[in-house]
């Protein structure tokens, strides 16, 4: 699978998070990794000053870290998730630049 760094792909990732019960928020903050996961509240906070590429890479990195039941995903989300998990892991810090 090839990652597309555009609004539609970012929205697909955000929808996937919504389907697994997480809220994605873009806020300013001093996150060392560029994001923060509030597991008790099922909220993901990403640095709003990141480029779109940085935001998408953060979403993918976070998706690798949070546990959820894949059985509840619809077919399109399952295909997206499997495609993303087949990608080599990337450090979000290298792609997360400021706009």
N, C-alpha and C. Protein backbone atom coordinates (compact mmCIF):
# COMPACT_ATOMS: atom_id res chain seq x y z
N UNK A 1 0.84 -1.17 0.00
CA UNK A 1 0.00 0.00 0.00
C UNK A 1 0.88 1.24 0.00
N UNK A 2 0.48 2.22 -0.76
CA UNK A 2 1.21 3.49 -0.80
C UNK A 2 0.42 4.53 -0.02
N UNK A 3 1.11 5.24 0.85
CA UNK A 3 0.48 6.29 1.64
C UNK A 3 0.32 7.52 0.75
N UNK A 4 -0.88 8.06 0.73
CA UNK A 4 -1.15 9.27 -0.04
C UNK A 4 -1.26 10.42 0.94
N UNK A 5 -0.46 11.43 0.75
CA UNK A 5 -0.45 12.56 1.67
C UNK A 5 -1.39 13.65 1.16
N UNK A 6 -2.70 13.37 1.28
CA UNK A 6 -3.71 14.34 0.87
C UNK A 6 -4.86 14.34 1.87
N UNK A 7 -5.77 15.28 1.70
CA UNK A 7 -6.89 15.44 2.64
C UNK A 7 -7.78 14.20 2.70
N UNK A 8 -8.03 13.60 1.56
CA UNK A 8 -8.92 12.43 1.52
C UNK A 8 -8.34 11.27 2.32
N UNK A 9 -7.05 11.02 2.19
CA UNK A 9 -6.42 9.93 2.93
C UNK A 9 -6.40 10.24 4.42
N UNK A 10 -6.12 11.49 4.77
CA UNK A 10 -6.14 11.89 6.18
C UNK A 10 -7.54 11.69 6.76
N UNK A 11 -8.56 12.04 6.00
CA UNK A 11 -9.93 11.86 6.46
C UNK A 11 -10.25 10.38 6.63
N UNK A 12 -9.74 9.53 5.75
CA UNK A 12 -9.95 8.08 5.88
C UNK A 12 -9.35 7.56 7.18
N UNK A 13 -8.16 8.05 7.51
CA UNK A 13 -7.52 7.65 8.77
C UNK A 13 -8.33 8.14 9.97
N UNK A 14 -8.79 9.37 9.90
CA UNK A 14 -9.59 9.92 11.00
C UNK A 14 -10.89 9.13 11.17
N UNK A 15 -11.50 8.73 10.06
CA UNK A 15 -12.72 7.91 10.12
C UNK A 15 -12.43 6.55 10.74
N UNK A 16 -11.28 5.97 10.41
CA UNK A 16 -10.89 4.70 11.00
C UNK A 16 -10.77 4.84 12.52
N UNK A 17 -10.14 5.91 12.98
CA UNK A 17 -10.04 6.15 14.42
C UNK A 17 -11.42 6.28 15.05
N UNK A 18 -12.32 6.97 14.36
CA UNK A 18 -13.67 7.14 14.88
C UNK A 18 -14.37 5.79 15.01
N UNK A 19 -14.17 4.91 14.03
CA UNK A 19 -14.80 3.59 14.06
C UNK A 19 -14.26 2.69 15.17
N UNK A 20 -13.02 2.94 15.58
CA UNK A 20 -12.47 2.12 16.68
C UNK A 20 -12.67 2.81 18.04
N UNK A 21 -13.38 3.94 18.03
CA UNK A 21 -13.76 4.57 19.29
C UNK A 21 -12.84 5.67 19.79
N UNK A 22 -11.95 6.17 18.94
CA UNK A 22 -11.03 7.24 19.33
C UNK A 22 -11.40 8.55 18.65
N UNK A 23 -11.22 9.64 19.37
CA UNK A 23 -11.41 10.98 18.82
C UNK A 23 -10.04 11.53 18.48
N UNK A 24 -9.92 12.12 17.28
CA UNK A 24 -8.66 12.73 16.85
C UNK A 24 -8.83 14.25 16.97
N UNK A 25 -7.88 14.86 17.67
CA UNK A 25 -7.88 16.32 17.82
C UNK A 25 -6.53 16.86 17.41
N UNK A 26 -6.55 18.05 16.82
CA UNK A 26 -5.32 18.74 16.44
C UNK A 26 -5.21 19.98 17.31
N UNK A 27 -4.20 19.99 18.18
CA UNK A 27 -4.02 21.06 19.16
C UNK A 27 -2.55 21.47 19.18
N UNK A 28 -2.33 22.67 19.68
CA UNK A 28 -0.93 23.06 19.89
C UNK A 28 -0.48 22.47 21.22
N UNK A 29 0.75 22.09 21.26
CA UNK A 29 1.26 21.48 22.48
C UNK A 29 2.75 21.22 22.37
N UNK A 30 3.31 20.80 23.45
CA UNK A 30 4.74 20.52 23.52
C UNK A 30 4.94 19.02 23.62
N UNK A 31 4.57 18.30 22.58
CA UNK A 31 4.67 16.85 22.58
C UNK A 31 6.03 16.47 22.01
N UNK A 32 6.80 15.69 22.74
CA UNK A 32 8.11 15.27 22.24
C UNK A 32 7.98 14.46 20.96
N UNK A 33 7.01 13.59 20.92
CA UNK A 33 6.84 12.74 19.75
C UNK A 33 5.92 13.36 18.71
N UNK A 34 5.30 14.48 19.02
CA UNK A 34 4.39 15.12 18.09
C UNK A 34 2.94 14.78 18.33
N UNK A 35 2.71 13.86 19.27
CA UNK A 35 1.34 13.49 19.58
C UNK A 35 1.23 12.99 21.01
N UNK A 36 -0.01 12.87 21.45
CA UNK A 36 -0.30 12.39 22.79
C UNK A 36 -1.52 11.50 22.72
N UNK A 37 -1.48 10.36 23.38
CA UNK A 37 -2.61 9.43 23.40
C UNK A 37 -3.18 9.42 24.81
N UNK A 38 -4.43 9.81 24.92
CA UNK A 38 -5.13 9.77 26.20
C UNK A 38 -6.01 8.53 26.20
N UNK A 39 -5.43 7.40 26.59
CA UNK A 39 -6.12 6.12 26.47
C UNK A 39 -7.38 6.03 27.31
N UNK A 40 -7.36 6.60 28.50
CA UNK A 40 -8.55 6.54 29.36
C UNK A 40 -9.74 7.26 28.75
N UNK A 41 -9.46 8.29 27.95
CA UNK A 41 -10.52 9.07 27.31
C UNK A 41 -10.70 8.73 25.84
N UNK A 42 -9.90 7.82 25.31
CA UNK A 42 -9.92 7.45 23.89
C UNK A 42 -9.79 8.68 23.00
N UNK A 43 -8.78 9.49 23.30
CA UNK A 43 -8.52 10.70 22.53
C UNK A 43 -7.07 10.68 22.07
N UNK A 44 -6.87 11.08 20.83
CA UNK A 44 -5.54 11.23 20.25
C UNK A 44 -5.36 12.70 19.93
N UNK A 45 -4.29 13.31 20.44
CA UNK A 45 -4.01 14.72 20.19
C UNK A 45 -2.72 14.82 19.39
N UNK A 46 -2.81 15.50 18.25
CA UNK A 46 -1.66 15.65 17.35
C UNK A 46 -1.34 17.13 17.23
N UNK A 47 -0.06 17.44 17.15
CA UNK A 47 0.39 18.82 17.01
C UNK A 47 -0.21 19.43 15.76
N UNK A 48 -0.98 20.50 15.93
CA UNK A 48 -1.68 21.09 14.80
C UNK A 48 -0.75 21.83 13.84
N UNK A 49 0.47 22.08 14.25
CA UNK A 49 1.41 22.79 13.38
C UNK A 49 2.20 21.86 12.47
N UNK A 50 1.98 20.58 12.58
CA UNK A 50 2.65 19.64 11.68
C UNK A 50 2.13 19.80 10.26
N UNK A 51 2.96 19.45 9.32
CA UNK A 51 2.52 19.40 7.94
C UNK A 51 1.53 18.25 7.79
N UNK A 52 0.85 18.21 6.67
CA UNK A 52 -0.11 17.13 6.46
C UNK A 52 0.60 15.77 6.47
N UNK A 53 1.78 15.71 5.90
CA UNK A 53 2.56 14.47 5.92
C UNK A 53 2.87 14.05 7.35
N UNK A 54 3.26 15.00 8.18
CA UNK A 54 3.55 14.70 9.58
C UNK A 54 2.33 14.21 10.34
N UNK A 55 1.18 14.83 10.08
CA UNK A 55 -0.06 14.43 10.74
C UNK A 55 -0.45 13.01 10.34
N UNK A 56 -0.35 12.71 9.06
CA UNK A 56 -0.70 11.37 8.57
C UNK A 56 0.25 10.32 9.15
N UNK A 57 1.55 10.62 9.17
CA UNK A 57 2.51 9.68 9.75
C UNK A 57 2.25 9.46 11.23
N UNK A 58 1.86 10.52 11.95
CA UNK A 58 1.50 10.36 13.37
C UNK A 58 0.30 9.44 13.52
N UNK A 59 -0.72 9.65 12.71
CA UNK A 59 -1.92 8.81 12.79
C UNK A 59 -1.57 7.34 12.56
N UNK A 60 -0.71 7.09 11.60
CA UNK A 60 -0.30 5.70 11.31
C UNK A 60 0.49 5.13 12.48
N UNK A 61 1.42 5.90 13.03
CA UNK A 61 2.21 5.44 14.18
C UNK A 61 1.31 5.13 15.38
N UNK A 62 0.36 5.99 15.62
CA UNK A 62 -0.56 5.79 16.75
C UNK A 62 -1.40 4.54 16.54
N UNK A 63 -1.86 4.35 15.31
CA UNK A 63 -2.68 3.18 15.00
C UNK A 63 -1.95 1.88 15.32
N UNK A 64 -0.65 1.89 15.14
CA UNK A 64 0.15 0.70 15.46
C UNK A 64 0.22 0.44 16.97
N UNK A 65 0.00 1.47 17.79
CA UNK A 65 0.19 1.37 19.24
C UNK A 65 -1.07 1.04 20.02
N UNK A 66 -2.22 1.42 19.51
CA UNK A 66 -3.43 1.27 20.32
C UNK A 66 -4.11 -0.07 20.04
N UNK A 67 -4.48 -0.78 21.09
CA UNK A 67 -5.16 -2.06 20.90
C UNK A 67 -6.65 -1.84 20.63
N UNK A 68 -7.21 -2.63 19.72
CA UNK A 68 -8.64 -2.59 19.45
C UNK A 68 -9.03 -3.89 18.76
N UNK A 69 -10.32 -4.16 18.73
CA UNK A 69 -10.86 -5.37 18.14
C UNK A 69 -11.10 -5.15 16.64
N UNK A 70 -10.30 -5.78 15.81
CA UNK A 70 -10.40 -5.60 14.37
C UNK A 70 -11.68 -6.20 13.80
N UNK A 71 -12.31 -7.08 14.54
CA UNK A 71 -13.53 -7.73 14.06
C UNK A 71 -14.67 -6.73 13.86
N UNK A 72 -14.60 -5.59 14.56
CA UNK A 72 -15.66 -4.60 14.46
C UNK A 72 -15.50 -3.65 13.28
N UNK A 73 -14.41 -3.77 12.53
CA UNK A 73 -14.19 -2.89 11.39
C UNK A 73 -14.99 -3.36 10.18
N UNK A 74 -15.47 -2.39 9.40
CA UNK A 74 -16.13 -2.76 8.14
C UNK A 74 -15.05 -3.18 7.13
N UNK A 75 -15.47 -3.66 5.99
CA UNK A 75 -14.52 -4.21 5.01
C UNK A 75 -13.52 -3.17 4.53
N UNK A 76 -13.98 -1.95 4.26
CA UNK A 76 -13.08 -0.89 3.77
C UNK A 76 -12.05 -0.52 4.84
N UNK A 77 -12.50 -0.38 6.09
CA UNK A 77 -11.57 -0.05 7.17
C UNK A 77 -10.59 -1.18 7.42
N UNK A 78 -11.06 -2.41 7.33
CA UNK A 78 -10.18 -3.57 7.52
C UNK A 78 -9.08 -3.59 6.45
N UNK A 79 -9.47 -3.30 5.21
CA UNK A 79 -8.50 -3.28 4.11
C UNK A 79 -7.48 -2.15 4.32
N UNK A 80 -7.96 -0.97 4.74
CA UNK A 80 -7.06 0.14 5.01
C UNK A 80 -6.10 -0.20 6.14
N UNK A 81 -6.63 -0.76 7.23
CA UNK A 81 -5.80 -1.11 8.38
C UNK A 81 -4.74 -2.14 8.00
N UNK A 82 -5.12 -3.18 7.30
CA UNK A 82 -4.16 -4.21 6.90
C UNK A 82 -3.09 -3.64 5.98
N UNK A 83 -3.48 -2.75 5.08
CA UNK A 83 -2.51 -2.11 4.19
C UNK A 83 -1.52 -1.27 4.96
N UNK A 84 -2.01 -0.53 5.95
CA UNK A 84 -1.12 0.31 6.77
C UNK A 84 -0.18 -0.52 7.62
N UNK A 85 -0.67 -1.63 8.14
CA UNK A 85 0.17 -2.47 8.99
C UNK A 85 1.23 -3.21 8.19
N UNK A 86 1.04 -3.32 6.89
CA UNK A 86 2.05 -3.98 6.05
C UNK A 86 3.20 -3.04 5.70
N UNK A 87 3.02 -1.74 5.96
CA UNK A 87 4.07 -0.77 5.69
C UNK A 87 5.18 -0.88 6.72
N UNK A 88 6.41 -0.57 6.33
CA UNK A 88 7.48 -0.53 7.33
C UNK A 88 7.22 0.60 8.31
N UNK A 89 7.59 0.40 9.56
CA UNK A 89 7.37 1.40 10.59
C UNK A 89 8.27 2.60 10.34
N UNK A 90 7.70 3.80 10.51
CA UNK A 90 8.44 5.05 10.32
C UNK A 90 8.43 5.83 11.61
N UNK A 91 9.48 6.53 11.86
CA UNK A 91 9.49 7.45 13.00
C UNK A 91 8.78 8.72 12.56
N UNK A 92 7.77 9.13 13.31
CA UNK A 92 7.02 10.31 12.93
C UNK A 92 7.82 11.59 13.05
N UNK A 93 8.89 11.58 13.80
CA UNK A 93 9.67 12.80 13.98
C UNK A 93 10.38 13.23 12.70
N UNK A 94 10.73 12.30 11.85
CA UNK A 94 11.44 12.65 10.65
C UNK A 94 10.54 13.34 9.63
N UNK A 95 9.25 13.01 9.63
CA UNK A 95 8.35 13.58 8.64
C UNK A 95 7.49 14.68 9.21
N UNK A 96 7.53 14.86 10.48
CA UNK A 96 6.63 15.82 11.12
C UNK A 96 7.30 17.18 11.19
N UNK A 97 7.10 17.95 10.17
CA UNK A 97 7.67 19.28 10.15
C UNK A 97 6.63 20.32 10.44
N UNK A 98 7.08 21.53 10.64
CA UNK A 98 6.13 22.62 10.90
C UNK A 98 5.74 23.25 9.59
N UNK A 99 4.50 23.74 9.54
CA UNK A 99 4.00 24.42 8.34
C UNK A 99 4.49 25.84 8.29
